[in-house]
Amino acid sequence: MARMRTTKQHLKQLLQGARWRDHLEEIAAGGMSSVGPLFSFLLLGPRTMHRAAAILGATVARLARDEPEAARTVIRRFMWHMNEESGNIGWGIPDAFAECLAASPSLAETYHRILISYIMDLGHDDNFCDNDVLRRSCFWAVGRLAQARPDLCAAARPWLIRGLEDADSLCRGMAAWALGQLPPELMDAPALRRLAQSGNGDVCEIYEDDHIREARVDDLARAALARDKARDG
């Protein structure tokens, strides 16, 4: 038990250091012994949580290559934490789920529909995330996967568009950011334009390049529109 606490504290120090990426392969090589501590770090502050999610992604991608069933066990653990029956609120889980799928082509192919399902409100018998705060992470997660594997996220587009009118203001901003990670599509412009012109000054926290940046909801919509125009030429 004492050795486990020491290992966990060591990993935490590496994760919170400025050169944390230098240790990514070392931690990932720990396989399942690294997974438990990294899971616990998902409950820490935003930057540490995202770093833990990124290293979980590298760790699980390595497991998917060398120990496929172990990798699937981790993904099933994510799914259980996102299930209301688990009694948990899955803080950090969508973020880690997305990083794993971004890092592993085989896991992405198998599980991308599950990740997207957390923003799909079908009205019944669905995986839609009812917790507004956690749902913001679900939108971010879809955007993160879209950065790495846009082809697998095409089916998320109509649900991201619906997210622009989410009951939660910050979910609307995160949906706009996520749409901006997909290839341009002209049908997105009207909904994005409405949000861009809404005057919504609520502030989202976006994790990018190991930084947490703050951005207004309407600014995120304008940025998505600008990226579409730039990519359209």
Protein backbone atom coordinates (compact mmCIF):
# COMPACT_ATOMS: atom_id res chain seq x y z
CA MET A 1 0.00 0.00 0.00
CA ALA A 2 2.83 2.41 0.90
CA ARG A 3 4.56 1.58 -2.39
CA MET A 4 1.33 2.29 -4.27
CA ARG A 5 1.01 5.70 -2.58
CA THR A 6 4.63 6.48 -3.41
CA THR A 7 4.11 5.53 -7.07
CA LYS A 8 0.96 7.63 -7.25
CA GLN A 9 2.71 10.64 -5.73
CA HIS A 10 5.61 10.24 -8.17
CA LEU A 11 3.23 10.15 -11.14
CA LYS A 12 1.42 13.21 -9.85
CA GLN A 13 4.69 15.14 -9.58
CA LEU A 14 5.62 14.20 -13.14
CA LEU A 15 2.17 15.17 -14.39
CA GLN A 16 2.22 18.58 -12.72
CA GLY A 17 5.74 19.45 -13.85
CA ALA A 18 6.45 21.79 -16.75
CA ARG A 19 8.16 18.99 -18.72
CA TRP A 20 5.38 16.44 -18.21
CA ARG A 21 5.36 15.41 -21.87
CA ASP A 22 8.97 14.19 -21.51
CA HIS A 23 7.62 11.46 -19.23
CA LEU A 24 4.69 10.41 -21.37
CA GLU A 25 6.31 7.27 -22.78
CA GLU A 26 7.65 6.29 -19.36
CA ILE A 27 4.20 6.50 -17.80
CA ALA A 28 2.50 4.81 -20.75
CA ALA A 29 4.96 1.93 -20.49
CA GLY A 30 3.53 1.23 -17.03
CA GLY A 31 0.39 -0.07 -18.68
CA MET A 32 -2.43 -0.98 -16.33
CA SER A 33 -0.35 -0.01 -13.29
CA SER A 34 -0.48 3.59 -14.52
CA VAL A 35 -4.19 3.55 -15.32
CA GLY A 36 -5.48 3.62 -11.74
CA PRO A 37 -3.50 6.69 -10.63
CA LEU A 38 -4.27 8.50 -13.88
CA PHE A 39 -7.98 7.88 -13.34
CA SER A 40 -7.74 9.50 -9.91
CA PHE A 41 -6.01 12.55 -11.41
CA LEU A 42 -9.06 13.19 -13.61
CA LEU A 43 -10.67 14.66 -10.48
CA LEU A 44 -7.97 17.32 -10.06
CA GLY A 45 -7.86 20.84 -11.53
CA PRO A 46 -8.56 21.40 -15.23
CA ARG A 47 -4.98 21.44 -16.51
CA THR A 48 -3.91 18.40 -14.47
CA MET A 49 -7.09 16.61 -15.52
CA HIS A 50 -6.39 17.22 -19.20
CA ARG A 51 -2.77 16.12 -18.84
CA ALA A 52 -3.92 12.94 -17.12
CA ALA A 53 -6.44 12.40 -19.92
CA ALA A 54 -3.74 12.83 -22.58
CA ILE A 55 -1.40 10.37 -20.87
CA LEU A 56 -4.26 7.94 -20.37
CA GLY A 57 -4.76 8.21 -24.12
CA ALA A 58 -1.14 7.26 -24.79
CA THR A 59 -1.26 4.49 -22.19
CA VAL A 60 -4.46 2.92 -23.47
CA ALA A 61 -3.33 3.22 -27.10
CA ARG A 62 -0.22 1.23 -26.16
CA LEU A 63 -2.40 -1.32 -24.40
CA ALA A 64 -4.61 -1.54 -27.50
CA ARG A 65 -1.53 -2.57 -29.46
CA ASP A 66 -0.03 -4.98 -26.92
CA GLU A 67 -2.95 -6.06 -24.68
CA PRO A 68 -6.19 -5.35 -26.56
CA GLU A 69 -8.50 -6.79 -23.92
CA ALA A 70 -6.92 -4.61 -21.22
CA ALA A 71 -7.54 -1.55 -23.39
CA ARG A 72 -11.16 -2.54 -23.90
CA THR A 73 -11.50 -2.95 -20.13
CA VAL A 74 -10.44 0.68 -19.66
CA ILE A 75 -12.93 1.87 -22.27
CA ARG A 76 -15.69 -0.12 -20.60
CA ARG A 77 -14.72 1.57 -17.35
CA PHE A 78 -15.25 4.95 -19.03
CA MET A 79 -18.65 3.82 -20.25
CA TRP A 80 -19.63 2.61 -16.77
CA HIS A 81 -18.66 5.94 -15.20
CA MET A 82 -20.85 7.75 -17.75
CA ASN A 83 -23.80 5.48 -16.94
CA GLU A 84 -26.26 6.95 -14.44
CA GLU A 85 -26.63 3.51 -12.85
CA SER A 86 -23.01 3.68 -11.72
CA GLY A 87 -23.87 6.41 -9.22
CA ASN A 88 -20.89 8.41 -10.46
CA ILE A 89 -20.59 11.79 -12.13
CA GLY A 90 -17.98 11.19 -14.78
CA TRP A 91 -15.76 14.21 -14.23
CA GLY A 92 -12.90 14.04 -16.74
CA ILE A 93 -14.19 10.84 -18.32
CA PRO A 94 -15.32 12.28 -21.71
CA ASP A 95 -11.96 14.06 -22.02
CA ALA A 96 -9.99 10.88 -21.32
CA PHE A 97 -12.29 8.82 -23.57
CA ALA A 98 -11.62 11.24 -26.42
CA GLU A 99 -7.86 11.19 -25.89
CA CYS A 100 -7.84 7.38 -26.01
CA LEU A 101 -9.78 7.32 -29.27
CA ALA A 102 -7.62 10.08 -30.72
CA ALA A 103 -4.50 8.05 -29.93
CA SER A 104 -5.72 4.62 -31.09
CA PRO A 105 -7.17 3.98 -34.56
CA SER A 106 -8.58 0.59 -33.56
CA LEU A 107 -10.33 1.90 -30.44
CA ALA A 108 -11.63 4.90 -32.36
CA GLU A 109 -13.18 2.69 -35.01
CA THR A 110 -14.90 0.55 -32.38
CA TYR A 111 -16.03 3.16 -29.86
CA HIS A 112 -16.43 6.55 -31.57
CA ARG A 113 -20.21 6.16 -31.79
CA ILE A 114 -20.38 5.70 -28.02
CA LEU A 115 -18.50 8.94 -27.40
CA ILE A 116 -20.74 10.85 -29.81
CA SER A 117 -23.85 9.36 -28.22
CA TYR A 118 -23.32 11.46 -25.08
CA ILE A 119 -24.44 14.57 -27.01
CA MET A 120 -27.32 12.83 -28.84
CA ASP A 121 -30.64 13.64 -27.19
CA LEU A 122 -33.04 11.09 -28.67
CA GLY A 123 -35.64 11.64 -25.98
CA HIS A 124 -35.57 8.04 -24.73
CA ASP A 125 -33.28 5.02 -24.45
CA ASP A 126 -30.18 7.05 -25.17
CA ASN A 127 -26.78 7.86 -23.63
CA PHE A 128 -27.39 11.62 -23.63
CA CYS A 129 -25.56 13.32 -20.76
CA ASP A 130 -28.18 15.12 -18.67
CA ASN A 131 -25.66 16.89 -16.45
CA ASP A 132 -25.08 20.34 -17.96
CA VAL A 133 -21.55 20.74 -16.60
CA LEU A 134 -20.43 17.26 -17.67
CA ARG A 135 -22.11 17.71 -21.07
CA ARG A 136 -19.76 20.63 -21.76
CA SER A 137 -16.92 18.11 -21.53
CA CYS A 138 -18.81 15.81 -23.89
CA PHE A 139 -18.92 18.53 -26.54
CA TRP A 140 -15.21 19.22 -26.01
CA ALA A 141 -14.51 15.49 -26.32
CA VAL A 142 -16.27 15.26 -29.68
CA GLY A 143 -14.29 18.27 -30.87
CA ARG A 144 -11.04 16.70 -29.67
CA LEU A 145 -11.82 13.50 -31.57
CA ALA A 146 -12.74 15.56 -34.63
CA GLN A 147 -9.27 17.11 -34.57
CA ALA A 148 -7.64 13.68 -34.80
CA ARG A 149 -10.24 11.71 -36.79
CA PRO A 150 -12.67 14.03 -38.57
CA ASP A 151 -13.95 11.23 -40.79
CA LEU A 152 -15.35 9.39 -37.75
CA CYS A 153 -17.06 12.53 -36.45
CA ALA A 154 -19.11 13.37 -39.52
CA ALA A 155 -22.16 11.80 -37.88
CA ALA A 156 -21.77 14.19 -34.95
CA ARG A 157 -22.35 17.29 -37.09
CA PRO A 158 -26.18 17.47 -36.81
CA TRP A 159 -25.95 16.90 -33.05
CA LEU A 160 -23.34 19.62 -32.67
CA ILE A 161 -25.62 21.93 -34.63
CA ARG A 162 -28.43 21.10 -32.22
CA GLY A 163 -25.98 21.81 -29.43
CA LEU A 164 -25.81 25.42 -30.60
CA GLU A 165 -29.29 25.75 -29.05
CA ASP A 166 -28.56 23.70 -25.92
CA ALA A 167 -30.37 24.80 -22.75
CA ASP A 168 -26.96 25.41 -21.15
CA SER A 169 -25.19 28.49 -22.46
CA LEU A 170 -21.68 27.07 -22.09
CA CYS A 171 -22.70 23.90 -23.89
CA ARG A 172 -23.66 26.12 -26.82
CA GLY A 173 -20.18 27.59 -26.83
CA MET A 174 -18.50 24.21 -26.60
CA ALA A 175 -20.66 22.91 -29.45
CA ALA A 176 -19.54 25.87 -31.56
CA TRP A 177 -15.89 25.14 -30.75
CA ALA A 178 -16.36 21.47 -31.63
CA LEU A 179 -18.00 22.34 -34.95
CA GLY A 180 -14.98 24.46 -35.74
CA GLN A 181 -12.80 21.35 -35.57
CA LEU A 182 -14.75 19.65 -38.39
CA PRO A 183 -14.30 20.29 -42.12
CA PRO A 184 -16.46 23.20 -43.34
CA GLU A 185 -20.10 22.65 -44.18
CA LEU A 186 -22.26 25.49 -45.48
CA MET A 187 -25.37 24.26 -43.72
CA ASP A 188 -23.69 25.08 -40.38
CA ALA A 189 -23.43 28.80 -41.14
CA PRO A 190 -26.99 29.96 -40.25
CA ALA A 191 -26.97 28.37 -36.80
CA LEU A 192 -23.45 29.53 -36.10
CA ARG A 193 -24.27 33.02 -37.33
CA ARG A 194 -27.22 33.27 -34.96
CA LEU A 195 -25.02 32.31 -32.05
CA ALA A 196 -22.22 34.61 -33.22
CA GLN A 197 -24.68 37.52 -33.28
CA SER A 198 -26.37 36.60 -29.99
CA GLY A 199 -24.25 38.82 -27.77
CA ASN A 200 -23.72 35.85 -25.47
CA GLY A 201 -20.82 36.88 -23.26
CA ASP A 202 -20.76 33.79 -21.06
CA VAL A 203 -17.24 32.38 -20.86
CA CYS A 204 -16.15 28.85 -21.77
CA GLU A 205 -12.86 27.28 -20.74
CA ILE A 206 -11.16 25.59 -23.69
CA TYR A 207 -8.15 23.33 -23.27
CA GLU A 208 -5.72 23.73 -26.17
CA ASP A 209 -1.97 23.08 -26.35
CA ASP A 210 -1.69 22.55 -22.58
CA HIS A 211 -3.36 25.86 -21.83
CA ILE A 212 -6.82 26.69 -20.53
CA ARG A 213 -8.08 29.69 -22.45
CA GLU A 214 -11.25 31.60 -21.75
CA ALA A 215 -13.51 32.52 -24.65
CA ARG A 216 -16.96 34.05 -24.93
CA VAL A 217 -19.70 31.88 -26.39
CA ASP A 218 -20.37 34.30 -29.25
CA ASP A 219 -16.64 34.60 -29.98
CA LEU A 220 -16.37 30.81 -30.30
CA ALA A 221 -19.18 30.86 -32.86
CA ARG A 222 -17.49 33.69 -34.76
CA ALA A 223 -14.19 31.79 -34.72
CA ALA A 224 -15.89 28.70 -36.15
CA LEU A 225 -17.43 30.81 -38.91
CA ALA A 226 -14.07 32.41 -39.69
CA ARG A 227 -12.37 29.01 -39.95
CA ASP A 228 -15.07 27.81 -42.33
CA LYS A 229 -14.55 30.85 -44.56
CA ALA A 230 -10.78 30.41 -44.49
CA ARG A 231 -10.98 26.74 -45.45
CA ASP A 232 -13.50 27.51 -48.18
CA GLY A 233 -10.96 29.91 -49.66
